Amino acid sequence: MQLLQPLTRDRRTIDREKPAGVHLPYARHVDDYTIEMRDGLLLQTIRLDGMLFETSDTEEINYRATLRDAVLRTIGTSNFAVYHHVVRRRVNTVLDSDFDDDFSREVDRRWRERLANRQLYVNDLFLTLVRRPLQGRMGFADRLRARFTKSADVGRIAASHDLRQLSTAREALIAALGSYAPRVLGVYETPDGVRSETLEFLSGIFNGAMRPMGLPHGDIGHYLPDRRISFGQDTVELAPTGAAPRCFVGMVSIKDYPTHTMPGMFDELYRLPFEMTVSQSFAFVERRAALSRMNLTIRRMRSAEDEAISLRDELLVAKDDVAAGRAAFGEHHTTIALRADTIAGVDAAIAEITALLADLGIVAVREDIALEPAFWAQFPGNFKYITRRGMVSTQNFAGLASLHNFPVGRAKGNHWGDAVTLFETTAAGPYFFNFHQADLGNFTVIGPSGSGKTVVLNFLLAQARRFDPRIIFFDKDRGAELFIRAIGGSYDRLRPGEATGLNPLLLEDNGANRQFLIDWISQLAGGASTDELDHIR
C-alpha cells in the first residue's frame, strides 16, 4: 500500500509511467572494475576509509586539502567527472562472548543493554571516476565523428582507448590518495556465484541499503531497483521489501554556495543522528570554457554597474589563476538524501540539515518540483538530471569533498581475535577497541586527577575477561581493590616494615640469577660505566 497521496489519478498519465530502471543509465560490466553506461560512458568506483581528522592538526588538514587540489588539477580535462558519496547508515553491532566470573558478565550485560538503546551510524566513503567525451566545442568533432561512423572496429578502438585512460586515471588517483586507504570496487567469488561490489554501491543509493548483487544477464539499470518508488510533493516513498521496512526520503540541494570553502566544511554534517546519502559531482570544464564564462560574468557586472567590487576582483584573480594553470574549474552539484521511517522524521532531519548548512553560509533548499531529478542526479554519470549546478574550483571541491571520516577500530582479526569492547564515538558511531596495534599491546590512558582513569581501566579489564587473560595490576591508593576482588582476584598490599616477598636479592645463588641481578641493577643504575659494571659483578 502506498502512503503518499498520488500526484494524479489520470489513467493515461499513469499508463505512461516508466519503470525506475529507465532512469538508471547503467548497461553492463566491461571488466571486473568497470561499468559501461547505455550512452558509452565508463565508470569505476573507489572505496576509502578516509582521514581520521579529529586527531590531526590544522597544518596536516590543510596540507591534505592542498594535495587533493593538486590531484584534481592533474586530471583537469572535461573527459572526466568525479563523484563523491558519503553514505551514512545505521548499524547494529554486538560482541558475543562468555565470562568466567559473574561480575564481568553483569558489567557486559549492562553495557550491551545501554548500547542497544543507542542509534549507531557509520560513514562509507566512495569516489567514482566517470570517463566521458570531451565537452563543449572541443568535443563537438568527436561527437560528430561518432554519430556518422558506423564501423565496429573504430568503436572498439575508441572504447579500448577510453578504458585505458580511465584505468590510468584511477591508478593515479589511488596512488595519490594512498593515506586514505583506497580500494577499487570490483567483483568477487562466493559459493553462490560472482558478486559485484560496484552494483552493491549503486543499489545502495537507490534502495537505502547495500546487499550482495550478482552479475545480471541483462541491463544493469533495470536490475538495480529492489523496491517500488513513489514520488510525492516533496517526499519519496520506498515500499517495503523482504526484511527492509517502508521508508521515506527527502532531498536537499545546495542553491547558493558560501563565499569561501575550507577543508572539512561538512564534518559536522556527518555527525548528525540519521541516515543520509550526500552526493557531490564535479565535472571538469576546459580552461577556455571556464575563461569564457568568467569573462561573460565580468562583462555583465560592468554593464549592469554592479557594485560588488570585491566579487569582481576575486573573479579577476580566479581568471588569472586559470589562465596561468594554477587553478581548474568544474560544474559542481550537491544533493543530500535524508532517510527516515516516517514523513515527520524526514521533516525533522531536513530542518536540522538546512539550519546546519545555513551556519556554513550555504543556502540549501528542500526539493519539491525538482524532487525526481534530484533523486536520479545522485547516481554517477546521470548528468542530464542535475538541475542545480555551480561553477567551483578544484580547491573548493577539495574542501567540500574532504574525505574526512571517524575511527571505527577493528571488530575481528585482531591480535586476540575479536575486539575487546565496543565504544560510542562523538559521531554517534561504533568504535571497536583493542589493546593492540598490530602485535604491539601498549596503550595509555591520560586524564587529570579524579577524571575516571581507574574506572576506565577496570571496565577494560572486565571486558578483557572474555579472553581469560592473566592480569597483573599495580594499583595506587587501593583504587582497584574492589574490582580485583569482584572478579575473583587476590589483592596484596605493600606495607612499610612488612615482608613482601619481592626482594630479588634473596634469589637462590646460581649463575642464571646472578646474571639477572647484574642486568637488573645495571638498568636501575642507568648509564653505569664499565668499571661500575665490573664492581656490580
Protein backbone atom coordinates (compact mmCIF):
# COMPACT_ATOMS: atom_id res chain seq x y z
CA MET A 1 0.00 0.00 0.00
CA GLN A 2 1.29 3.45 -0.94
CA LEU A 3 1.06 6.03 1.87
CA LEU A 4 1.88 9.15 -0.16
CA GLN A 5 -1.02 10.79 -1.95
CA PRO A 6 -0.81 10.17 -5.73
CA LEU A 7 0.06 13.22 -7.81
CA THR A 8 -2.50 12.24 -10.42
CA ARG A 9 -5.32 9.76 -10.95
CA ASP A 10 -5.45 10.24 -14.70
CA ARG A 11 -5.25 6.78 -16.28
CA ARG A 12 -3.43 8.00 -19.39
CA THR A 13 -0.74 9.63 -17.27
CA ILE A 14 -0.40 6.53 -15.12
CA ASP A 15 -0.06 4.32 -18.20
CA ARG A 16 2.85 6.47 -19.38
CA GLU A 17 4.77 5.76 -16.16
CA LYS A 18 8.25 4.42 -16.85
CA PRO A 19 9.98 1.77 -14.74
CA ALA A 20 12.68 3.03 -12.38
CA GLY A 21 15.41 1.28 -14.35
CA VAL A 22 14.88 3.63 -17.30
CA HIS A 23 16.35 6.46 -15.22
CA LEU A 24 19.45 4.45 -14.24
CA PRO A 25 21.90 4.66 -17.17
CA TYR A 26 23.99 1.55 -16.48
CA ALA A 27 24.26 -1.18 -19.11
CA ARG A 28 26.89 -3.82 -18.33
CA HIS A 29 30.16 -4.78 -16.67
CA VAL A 30 33.02 -4.28 -19.14
CA ASP A 31 35.58 -5.90 -16.83
CA ASP A 32 35.94 -6.64 -13.13
CA TYR A 33 36.14 -2.95 -12.21
CA THR A 34 34.39 -1.02 -14.99
CA ILE A 35 30.73 -0.41 -15.79
CA GLU A 36 29.61 0.89 -19.16
CA MET A 37 26.54 3.10 -19.45
CA ARG A 38 23.99 2.96 -22.21
CA ASP A 39 25.48 6.04 -23.88
CA GLY A 40 29.00 4.59 -23.81
CA LEU A 41 30.34 6.39 -20.72
CA LEU A 42 32.56 4.35 -18.40
CA LEU A 43 32.91 4.47 -14.62
CA GLN A 44 34.97 2.93 -11.84
CA THR A 45 34.38 3.33 -8.10
CA ILE A 46 36.87 3.54 -5.22
CA ARG A 47 36.02 2.97 -1.58
CA LEU A 48 38.06 4.82 1.07
CA ASP A 49 38.46 4.57 4.84
CA GLY A 50 39.09 8.31 4.91
CA MET A 51 41.27 10.57 7.04
CA LEU A 52 40.84 10.50 10.83
CA PHE A 53 40.77 14.27 11.10
CA GLU A 54 39.88 14.57 14.79
CA THR A 55 43.44 13.69 15.81
CA SER A 56 45.12 15.71 13.03
CA ASP A 57 46.35 19.27 13.49
CA THR A 58 45.34 22.17 11.26
CA GLU A 59 48.57 22.08 9.27
CA GLU A 60 48.04 18.43 8.37
CA ILE A 61 44.41 19.02 7.35
CA ASN A 62 45.32 22.00 5.14
CA TYR A 63 48.24 20.08 3.61
CA ARG A 64 45.96 17.17 2.69
CA ALA A 65 43.48 19.61 1.11
CA THR A 66 46.29 21.11 -0.99
CA LEU A 67 47.26 17.62 -2.16
CA ARG A 68 43.66 16.82 -3.13
CA ASP A 69 43.51 20.06 -5.10
CA ALA A 70 46.73 19.14 -6.92
CA VAL A 71 45.41 15.64 -7.72
CA LEU A 72 42.22 17.08 -9.20
CA ARG A 73 44.17 19.56 -11.33
CA THR A 74 46.24 16.73 -12.80
CA ILE A 75 43.01 15.14 -14.07
CA GLY A 76 41.78 18.58 -15.26
CA THR A 77 40.10 17.69 -18.56
CA SER A 78 36.42 17.62 -19.46
CA ASN A 79 36.88 13.95 -20.38
CA PHE A 80 36.41 13.18 -16.68
CA ALA A 81 33.96 13.80 -13.89
CA VAL A 82 34.37 12.86 -10.22
CA TYR A 83 31.53 11.83 -7.91
CA HIS A 84 31.93 11.78 -4.13
CA HIS A 85 29.42 9.90 -1.98
CA VAL A 86 29.17 9.65 1.79
CA VAL A 87 26.64 7.02 2.81
CA ARG A 88 25.71 7.38 6.48
CA ARG A 89 23.87 4.27 7.61
CA ARG A 90 22.66 2.81 10.87
CA VAL A 91 24.35 -0.33 12.21
CA ASN A 92 23.53 -2.83 14.93
CA THR A 93 26.71 -4.23 16.45
CA VAL A 94 27.25 -6.58 19.39
CA LEU A 95 30.19 -8.57 20.76
CA ASP A 96 29.08 -12.02 21.90
CA SER A 97 31.24 -13.96 24.37
CA ASP A 98 31.25 -15.73 27.73
CA PHE A 99 32.80 -14.63 31.02
CA ASP A 100 34.10 -16.83 33.82
CA ASP A 101 33.05 -14.53 36.67
CA ASP A 102 29.62 -13.11 37.47
CA PHE A 103 30.83 -9.52 37.91
CA SER A 104 32.34 -9.23 34.41
CA ARG A 105 29.30 -10.96 32.94
CA GLU A 106 26.96 -8.44 34.61
CA VAL A 107 29.10 -5.47 33.50
CA ASP A 108 28.96 -6.76 29.92
CA ARG A 109 25.21 -7.30 30.08
CA ARG A 110 24.55 -3.75 31.29
CA TRP A 111 26.94 -2.24 28.74
CA ARG A 112 25.30 -4.10 25.87
CA GLU A 113 21.89 -3.04 27.16
CA ARG A 114 23.00 0.59 27.15
CA LEU A 115 24.39 0.37 23.62
CA ALA A 116 21.22 -1.34 22.41
CA ASN A 117 19.28 1.81 23.32
CA ARG A 118 21.61 3.96 21.23
CA GLN A 119 21.44 4.53 17.48
CA LEU A 120 24.90 4.00 16.00
CA TYR A 121 25.96 5.05 12.50
CA VAL A 122 28.95 4.56 10.21
CA ASN A 123 30.02 6.64 7.21
CA ASP A 124 31.05 4.86 3.99
CA LEU A 125 33.11 6.97 1.57
CA PHE A 126 33.17 6.44 -2.20
CA LEU A 127 34.83 8.18 -5.16
CA THR A 128 33.59 7.42 -8.67
CA LEU A 129 35.54 8.40 -11.76
CA VAL A 130 33.49 8.80 -14.95
CA ARG A 131 35.08 8.84 -18.41
CA ARG A 132 33.03 10.76 -20.98
CA PRO A 133 33.57 12.55 -24.33
CA LEU A 134 35.17 15.99 -24.36
CA GLN A 135 32.61 18.68 -23.63
CA GLY A 136 31.90 21.94 -25.44
CA ARG A 137 33.38 22.91 -28.78
CA MET A 138 36.46 20.77 -28.28
CA GLY A 139 34.34 17.63 -28.13
CA PHE A 140 31.98 18.57 -30.96
CA ALA A 141 34.17 16.98 -33.63
CA ASP A 142 34.44 13.73 -31.67
CA ARG A 143 30.68 13.54 -31.18
CA LEU A 144 30.07 14.27 -34.86
CA ARG A 145 32.55 11.60 -35.91
CA ALA A 146 30.95 9.06 -33.58
CA ARG A 147 27.49 9.79 -34.98
CA PHE A 148 28.49 9.24 -38.61
CA THR A 149 30.99 6.44 -38.07
CA LYS A 150 29.35 3.02 -38.16
CA SER A 151 32.49 0.89 -38.16
CA ALA A 152 32.51 -1.60 -35.29
CA ASP A 153 36.31 -1.70 -35.34
CA VAL A 154 36.53 2.07 -34.86
CA GLY A 155 34.08 1.86 -31.97
CA ARG A 156 36.04 -0.91 -30.28
CA ILE A 157 39.30 1.00 -30.64
CA ALA A 158 37.75 4.14 -29.14
CA ALA A 159 36.22 2.17 -26.26
CA SER A 160 39.53 0.44 -25.57
CA HIS A 161 41.31 3.81 -25.52
CA ASP A 162 38.72 5.27 -23.12
CA LEU A 163 39.04 2.25 -20.82
CA ARG A 164 42.83 2.58 -20.70
CA GLN A 165 42.54 6.30 -19.96
CA LEU A 166 40.02 5.63 -17.18
CA SER A 167 42.15 2.90 -15.59
CA THR A 168 45.26 5.11 -15.75
CA ALA A 169 43.43 7.99 -14.06
CA ARG A 170 42.04 5.62 -11.42
CA GLU A 171 45.51 4.24 -10.61
CA ALA A 172 46.89 7.77 -10.33
CA LEU A 173 44.04 8.71 -8.01
CA ILE A 174 44.61 5.66 -5.79
CA ALA A 175 48.35 6.35 -5.61
CA ALA A 176 47.81 9.99 -4.66
CA LEU A 177 45.18 9.10 -2.03
CA GLY A 178 47.15 6.22 -0.51
CA SER A 179 46.89 7.65 3.01
CA TYR A 180 43.08 7.40 2.80
CA ALA A 181 43.23 3.59 2.39
CA PRO A 182 41.58 3.48 -1.08
CA ARG A 183 40.37 0.25 -2.67
CA VAL A 184 38.80 -0.10 -6.10
CA LEU A 185 35.45 -1.89 -6.12
CA GLY A 186 35.28 -4.99 -8.28
CA VAL A 187 33.76 -8.46 -8.48
CA TYR A 188 34.33 -11.30 -6.01
CA GLU A 189 33.60 -15.00 -5.84
CA THR A 190 31.11 -16.56 -3.43
CA PRO A 191 29.72 -20.11 -3.10
CA ASP A 192 26.58 -18.79 -4.80
CA GLY A 193 28.40 -17.23 -7.74
CA VAL A 194 30.11 -13.98 -8.71
CA ARG A 195 29.05 -10.78 -6.93
CA SER A 196 29.75 -7.14 -7.82
CA GLU A 197 30.76 -4.54 -5.23
CA THR A 198 30.07 -1.69 -7.65
CA LEU A 199 26.50 -2.86 -8.19
CA GLU A 200 26.07 -3.14 -4.41
CA PHE A 201 27.12 0.50 -4.08
CA LEU A 202 24.75 1.70 -6.84
CA SER A 203 21.92 -0.43 -5.48
CA GLY A 204 22.50 1.03 -2.01
CA ILE A 205 21.94 4.57 -3.31
CA PHE A 206 18.53 3.54 -4.64
CA ASN A 207 17.34 1.02 -2.04
CA GLY A 208 18.85 2.61 1.07
CA ALA A 209 20.91 -0.46 1.99
CA MET A 210 23.69 -2.42 0.34
CA ARG A 211 23.20 -6.12 -0.27
CA PRO A 212 25.06 -8.78 -2.31
CA MET A 213 24.43 -8.28 -6.04
CA GLY A 214 25.13 -10.88 -8.70
CA LEU A 215 26.03 -10.09 -12.29
CA PRO A 216 22.81 -9.82 -14.33
CA HIS A 217 22.37 -11.28 -17.80
CA GLY A 218 20.54 -8.18 -18.99
CA ASP A 219 20.60 -4.44 -18.48
CA ILE A 220 22.10 -3.35 -15.13
CA GLY A 221 19.87 -0.29 -14.80
CA HIS A 222 16.70 -2.40 -14.66
CA TYR A 223 18.37 -4.86 -12.27
CA LEU A 224 19.32 -2.38 -9.52
CA PRO A 225 15.89 -1.27 -8.15
CA ASP A 226 14.65 -3.64 -5.48
CA ARG A 227 11.75 -1.54 -4.19
CA ARG A 228 8.85 0.31 -5.72
CA ILE A 229 9.49 4.04 -5.63
CA SER A 230 6.80 6.73 -5.43
CA PHE A 231 7.35 10.48 -5.69
CA GLY A 232 5.10 12.83 -3.71
CA GLN A 233 5.06 16.61 -3.46
CA ASP A 234 8.35 16.82 -1.54
CA THR A 235 8.96 13.28 -0.28
CA VAL A 236 9.96 9.97 -1.86
CA GLU A 237 8.46 6.72 -0.63
CA LEU A 238 10.31 3.40 -0.91
CA ALA A 239 7.95 0.46 -0.49
CA PRO A 240 8.83 -2.39 1.91
CA THR A 241 10.52 -5.46 0.51
CA GLY A 242 11.81 -8.55 2.27
CA ALA A 243 13.38 -7.54 5.57
CA ALA A 244 13.55 -3.86 4.57
CA PRO A 245 10.66 -1.81 6.01
CA ARG A 246 8.96 1.09 4.27
CA CYS A 247 11.00 4.30 4.40
CA PHE A 248 10.73 7.89 3.23
CA VAL A 249 13.33 10.12 1.62
CA GLY A 250 13.62 13.89 1.42
CA MET A 251 16.03 15.66 -0.93
CA VAL A 252 18.05 18.77 -0.05
CA SER A 253 20.16 20.60 -2.66
CA ILE A 254 22.65 23.45 -2.47
CA LYS A 255 21.18 26.52 -4.13
CA ASP A 256 23.84 29.15 -3.30
CA TYR A 257 27.43 28.45 -2.29
CA PRO A 258 29.35 30.19 0.53
CA THR A 259 31.86 32.92 -0.24
CA HIS A 260 34.71 30.69 0.91
CA THR A 261 35.27 26.98 1.42
CA MET A 262 37.59 25.20 3.81
CA PRO A 263 38.71 21.61 4.43
CA GLY A 264 36.18 19.65 6.44
CA MET A 265 33.25 22.01 5.91
CA PHE A 266 30.79 19.12 6.07
CA ASP A 267 32.37 17.30 9.04
CA GLU A 268 29.57 18.32 11.42
CA LEU A 269 27.02 17.18 8.84
CA TYR A 270 28.38 13.64 9.10
CA ARG A 271 27.77 13.57 12.87
CA LEU A 272 24.00 14.06 12.67
CA PRO A 273 21.96 11.15 14.05
CA PHE A 274 20.09 9.99 10.97
CA GLU A 275 20.68 8.07 7.75
CA MET A 276 21.58 10.00 4.63
CA THR A 277 23.48 9.90 1.37
CA VAL A 278 25.49 13.01 0.50
CA SER A 279 26.25 13.09 -3.24
CA GLN A 280 28.59 15.54 -4.93
CA SER A 281 29.63 15.69 -8.57
CA PHE A 282 32.47 17.67 -10.11
CA ALA A 283 32.52 17.72 -13.93
CA PHE A 284 35.72 19.31 -15.21
CA VAL A 285 35.39 22.28 -17.57
CA GLU A 286 38.06 23.03 -20.16
CA ARG A 287 40.23 26.07 -19.49
CA ARG A 288 38.90 28.01 -22.48
CA ALA A 289 35.28 27.41 -21.46
CA ALA A 290 35.99 28.47 -17.86
CA LEU A 291 37.66 31.69 -19.04
CA SER A 292 34.73 32.43 -21.37
CA ARG A 293 32.23 32.10 -18.50
CA MET A 294 34.31 34.34 -16.26
CA ASN A 295 34.66 36.98 -18.97
CA LEU A 296 30.91 36.88 -19.59
CA THR A 297 30.18 37.33 -15.87
CA ILE A 298 32.63 40.24 -15.60
CA ARG A 299 31.11 41.96 -18.67
CA ARG A 300 27.60 41.57 -17.26
CA MET A 301 28.67 43.05 -13.94
CA ARG A 302 30.26 46.02 -15.66
CA SER A 303 27.33 46.66 -17.97
CA ALA A 304 24.90 46.43 -15.05
CA GLU A 305 27.17 48.70 -13.00
CA ASP A 306 27.21 46.06 -10.28
CA GLU A 307 28.66 47.50 -7.07
CA ALA A 308 30.13 44.17 -5.90
CA ILE A 309 33.71 45.34 -6.41
CA SER A 310 35.24 42.64 -4.20
CA LEU A 311 33.45 39.92 -6.19
CA ARG A 312 34.72 41.39 -9.44
CA ASP A 313 38.26 41.49 -8.05
CA GLU A 314 38.01 37.85 -6.97
CA LEU A 315 36.81 36.90 -10.45
CA LEU A 316 39.80 38.66 -11.98
CA VAL A 317 42.16 36.78 -9.64
CA ALA A 318 40.46 33.46 -10.44
CA LYS A 319 40.67 34.25 -14.16
CA ASP A 320 44.39 34.90 -13.83
CA ASP A 321 44.88 31.61 -11.93
CA VAL A 322 43.03 29.64 -14.60
CA ALA A 323 44.95 31.28 -17.44
CA ALA A 324 48.24 30.54 -15.67
CA GLY A 325 47.27 26.92 -14.92
CA ARG A 326 47.26 27.42 -11.15
CA ALA A 327 43.58 26.51 -10.88
CA ALA A 328 40.97 24.42 -12.66
CA PHE A 329 37.20 24.73 -12.56
CA GLY A 330 34.25 22.43 -12.96
CA GLU A 331 30.49 22.18 -12.62
CA HIS A 332 29.57 21.05 -9.12
CA HIS A 333 26.34 19.88 -7.55
CA THR A 334 25.38 18.54 -4.13
CA THR A 335 22.29 16.65 -3.02
CA ILE A 336 21.55 15.19 0.41
CA ALA A 337 19.05 12.33 0.61
CA LEU A 338 17.60 12.01 4.15
CA ARG A 339 16.00 8.67 5.05
CA ALA A 340 13.59 8.04 7.93
CA ASP A 341 10.81 5.64 8.89
CA THR A 342 8.18 8.39 8.89
CA ILE A 343 7.47 11.59 6.98
CA ALA A 344 7.72 13.52 10.25
CA GLY A 345 11.19 12.07 10.75
CA VAL A 346 12.22 13.28 7.29
CA ASP A 347 10.83 16.76 8.01
CA ALA A 348 12.77 17.00 11.29
CA ALA A 349 16.01 15.82 9.68
CA ILE A 350 15.71 18.30 6.81
CA ALA A 351 15.07 21.17 9.24
CA GLU A 352 18.26 20.28 11.12
CA ILE A 353 20.28 19.89 7.92
CA THR A 354 19.22 23.22 6.43
CA ALA A 355 19.98 25.00 9.72
CA LEU A 356 23.46 23.47 9.87
CA LEU A 357 24.19 24.41 6.24
CA ALA A 358 22.94 27.95 6.88
CA ASP A 359 25.54 28.26 9.65
CA LEU A 360 28.15 27.44 7.00
CA GLY A 361 26.87 30.21 4.72
CA ILE A 362 25.18 27.74 2.36
CA VAL A 363 21.66 28.32 1.06
CA ALA A 364 20.01 24.89 0.90
CA VAL A 365 16.51 24.10 -0.34
CA ARG A 366 14.21 21.14 0.01
CA GLU A 367 13.33 19.86 -3.43
CA ASP A 368 9.68 19.67 -4.42
CA ILE A 369 9.15 20.46 -8.11
CA ALA A 370 12.63 19.11 -8.89
CA LEU A 371 12.32 16.22 -6.42
CA GLU A 372 12.52 13.47 -9.03
CA PRO A 373 15.50 14.89 -10.97
CA ALA A 374 17.33 15.50 -7.68
CA PHE A 375 16.85 11.84 -6.71
CA TRP A 376 18.17 10.49 -10.02
CA ALA A 377 21.05 13.00 -10.03
CA GLN A 378 22.62 11.10 -7.11
CA PHE A 379 23.73 8.33 -9.44
CA PRO A 380 27.20 8.63 -11.04
CA GLY A 381 27.04 9.59 -14.71
CA ASN A 382 23.41 10.78 -14.61
CA PHE A 383 24.40 14.27 -15.77
CA LYS A 384 21.10 15.05 -17.53
CA TYR A 385 19.21 15.06 -14.20
CA ILE A 386 21.44 17.63 -12.49
CA THR A 387 19.36 20.82 -12.21
CA ARG A 388 21.37 22.90 -9.73
CA ARG A 389 24.90 23.38 -11.00
CA GLY A 390 27.53 25.78 -9.72
CA MET A 391 30.96 26.59 -11.11
CA VAL A 392 33.60 25.96 -8.43
CA SER A 393 37.35 25.48 -8.44
CA THR A 394 39.24 22.29 -7.65
CA GLN A 395 40.32 23.99 -4.42
CA ASN A 396 36.66 24.49 -3.47
CA PHE A 397 35.84 20.88 -4.29
CA ALA A 398 38.84 19.67 -2.25
CA GLY A 399 37.27 21.44 0.74
CA LEU A 400 33.70 20.29 0.11
CA ALA A 401 34.78 16.67 -0.51
CA SER A 402 37.32 16.43 2.30
CA LEU A 403 37.37 12.61 2.59
CA HIS A 404 37.32 13.01 6.38
CA ASN A 405 35.96 10.18 8.50
CA PHE A 406 35.66 8.92 12.05
CA PRO A 407 37.51 5.93 13.55
CA VAL A 408 35.71 2.59 13.85
CA GLY A 409 38.53 0.37 15.08
CA ARG A 410 38.64 -3.28 14.09
CA ALA A 411 35.96 -5.78 15.02
CA LYS A 412 37.66 -9.05 14.03
CA GLY A 413 41.08 -10.40 13.10
CA ASN A 414 42.92 -8.67 15.93
CA HIS A 415 45.85 -10.00 17.97
CA TRP A 416 43.40 -11.57 20.42
CA GLY A 417 40.73 -12.26 17.80
CA ASP A 418 37.56 -10.21 18.30
CA ALA A 419 37.63 -6.68 19.71
CA VAL A 420 37.90 -6.20 23.47
CA THR A 421 34.87 -3.93 23.73
CA LEU A 422 32.66 -1.52 21.82
CA PHE A 423 32.55 2.24 22.46
CA GLU A 424 30.38 5.02 21.05
CA THR A 425 32.25 7.84 19.29
CA THR A 426 31.47 11.56 19.25
CA ALA A 427 29.90 10.99 15.82
CA ALA A 428 27.34 8.50 17.24
CA GLY A 429 29.31 5.66 15.68
CA PRO A 430 30.76 2.37 16.95
CA TYR A 431 34.43 2.03 17.86
CA PHE A 432 35.85 -1.47 18.32
CA PHE A 433 38.56 -1.11 20.96
CA ASN A 434 41.70 -3.25 21.11
CA PHE A 435 44.77 -3.04 23.30
CA HIS A 436 46.97 -3.98 20.35
CA GLN A 437 48.09 -2.06 17.30
CA ALA A 438 49.07 -5.00 15.10
CA ASP A 439 51.22 -7.06 17.53
CA LEU A 440 52.06 -4.18 19.89
CA GLY A 441 49.94 -4.28 23.03
CA ASN A 442 50.85 -0.95 24.62
CA PHE A 443 48.30 1.76 25.36
CA THR A 444 48.00 4.78 27.64
CA VAL A 445 45.07 6.40 29.46
CA ILE A 446 45.62 10.11 30.13
CA GLY A 447 43.47 12.44 32.22
CA PRO A 448 43.50 14.76 35.25
CA SER A 449 43.08 13.50 38.80
CA GLY A 450 39.57 12.33 39.54
CA SER A 451 38.55 12.11 35.86
CA GLY A 452 37.89 8.35 35.99
CA LYS A 453 41.09 6.78 34.63
CA THR A 454 40.92 3.89 37.11
CA VAL A 455 37.26 3.32 36.28
CA VAL A 456 38.14 3.10 32.58
CA LEU A 457 40.95 0.63 33.29
CA ASN A 458 38.67 -1.50 35.46
CA PHE A 459 36.00 -1.54 32.75
CA LEU A 460 38.51 -2.51 30.04
CA LEU A 461 39.86 -5.31 32.20
CA ALA A 462 36.33 -6.54 32.91
CA GLN A 463 35.66 -6.64 29.16
CA ALA A 464 39.02 -8.32 28.54
CA ARG A 465 37.93 -11.17 30.82
CA ARG A 466 36.16 -12.60 27.76
CA PHE A 467 39.66 -13.79 26.69
CA ASP A 468 40.51 -15.11 30.19
CA PRO A 469 43.92 -13.36 30.33
CA ARG A 470 46.37 -13.33 33.26
CA ILE A 471 46.03 -9.89 34.89
CA ILE A 472 48.74 -8.23 37.00
CA PHE A 473 47.56 -4.85 38.29
CA PHE A 474 49.85 -2.37 40.10
CA ASP A 475 47.42 -0.16 41.96
CA LYS A 476 47.75 3.14 43.82
CA ASP A 477 45.62 4.16 46.80
CA ARG A 478 43.65 0.89 46.51
CA GLY A 479 41.53 2.32 43.68
CA ALA A 480 41.05 -1.07 42.01
CA GLU A 481 40.84 -3.30 45.09
CA LEU A 482 37.07 -3.80 44.93
CA PHE A 483 37.23 -4.62 41.23
CA ILE A 484 40.07 -7.12 41.62
CA ARG A 485 38.24 -8.91 44.42
CA ALA A 486 34.95 -8.85 42.47
CA ILE A 487 36.46 -10.78 39.55
CA GLY A 488 37.95 -13.35 41.94
CA GLY A 489 41.48 -11.99 42.08
CA SER A 490 43.82 -11.70 45.06
CA TYR A 491 44.84 -8.23 46.21
CA ASP A 492 48.07 -7.78 48.20
CA ARG A 493 49.14 -4.55 49.86
CA LEU A 494 52.74 -3.42 50.30
CA ARG A 495 53.23 -2.08 53.85
CA PRO A 496 56.40 -0.49 55.22
CA GLY A 497 58.28 -2.83 57.54
CA GLU A 498 56.48 -5.97 56.37
CA ALA A 499 57.93 -8.67 54.15
CA THR A 500 56.62 -8.51 50.60
CA GLY A 501 58.40 -11.46 49.02
CA LEU A 502 59.53 -9.14 46.23
CA ASN A 503 63.27 -8.92 47.03
CA PRO A 504 65.24 -10.22 44.03
CA LEU A 505 68.47 -10.10 46.05
CA LEU A 506 67.20 -13.08 48.04
CA LEU A 507 67.03 -15.31 44.96
CA GLU A 508 68.94 -18.58 45.01
CA ASP A 509 72.63 -18.04 44.30
CA ASN A 510 73.25 -19.54 40.84
CA GLY A 511 74.61 -18.34 37.51
CA ALA A 512 71.26 -17.50 35.90
CA ASN A 513 70.03 -15.47 38.87
CA ARG A 514 73.37 -13.66 39.17
CA GLN A 515 73.17 -12.61 35.50
CA PHE A 516 69.58 -11.44 36.00
CA LEU A 517 70.62 -9.32 39.00
CA ILE A 518 73.53 -7.81 37.05
CA ASP A 519 71.21 -6.79 34.20
CA TRP A 520 68.51 -5.56 36.58
CA ILE A 521 70.78 -3.43 38.78
CA SER A 522 72.54 -2.06 35.70
CA GLN A 523 69.20 -0.91 34.34
CA LEU A 524 68.27 0.65 37.68
CA ALA A 525 71.64 2.42 37.92
CA GLY A 526 71.22 3.83 34.43
CA GLY A 527 74.31 4.78 32.42
CA ALA A 528 76.76 2.81 34.57
CA SER A 529 80.35 2.85 33.34
CA THR A 530 82.39 -0.26 32.57
CA ASP A 531 84.25 -0.03 35.89
CA GLU A 532 80.96 0.30 37.76
CA LEU A 533 79.54 -2.73 35.95
CA ASP A 534 82.65 -4.73 36.90
CA HIS A 535 82.14 -3.64 40.51
CA ILE A 536 78.50 -4.79 40.37
CA ARG A 537 79.66 -8.15 39.10
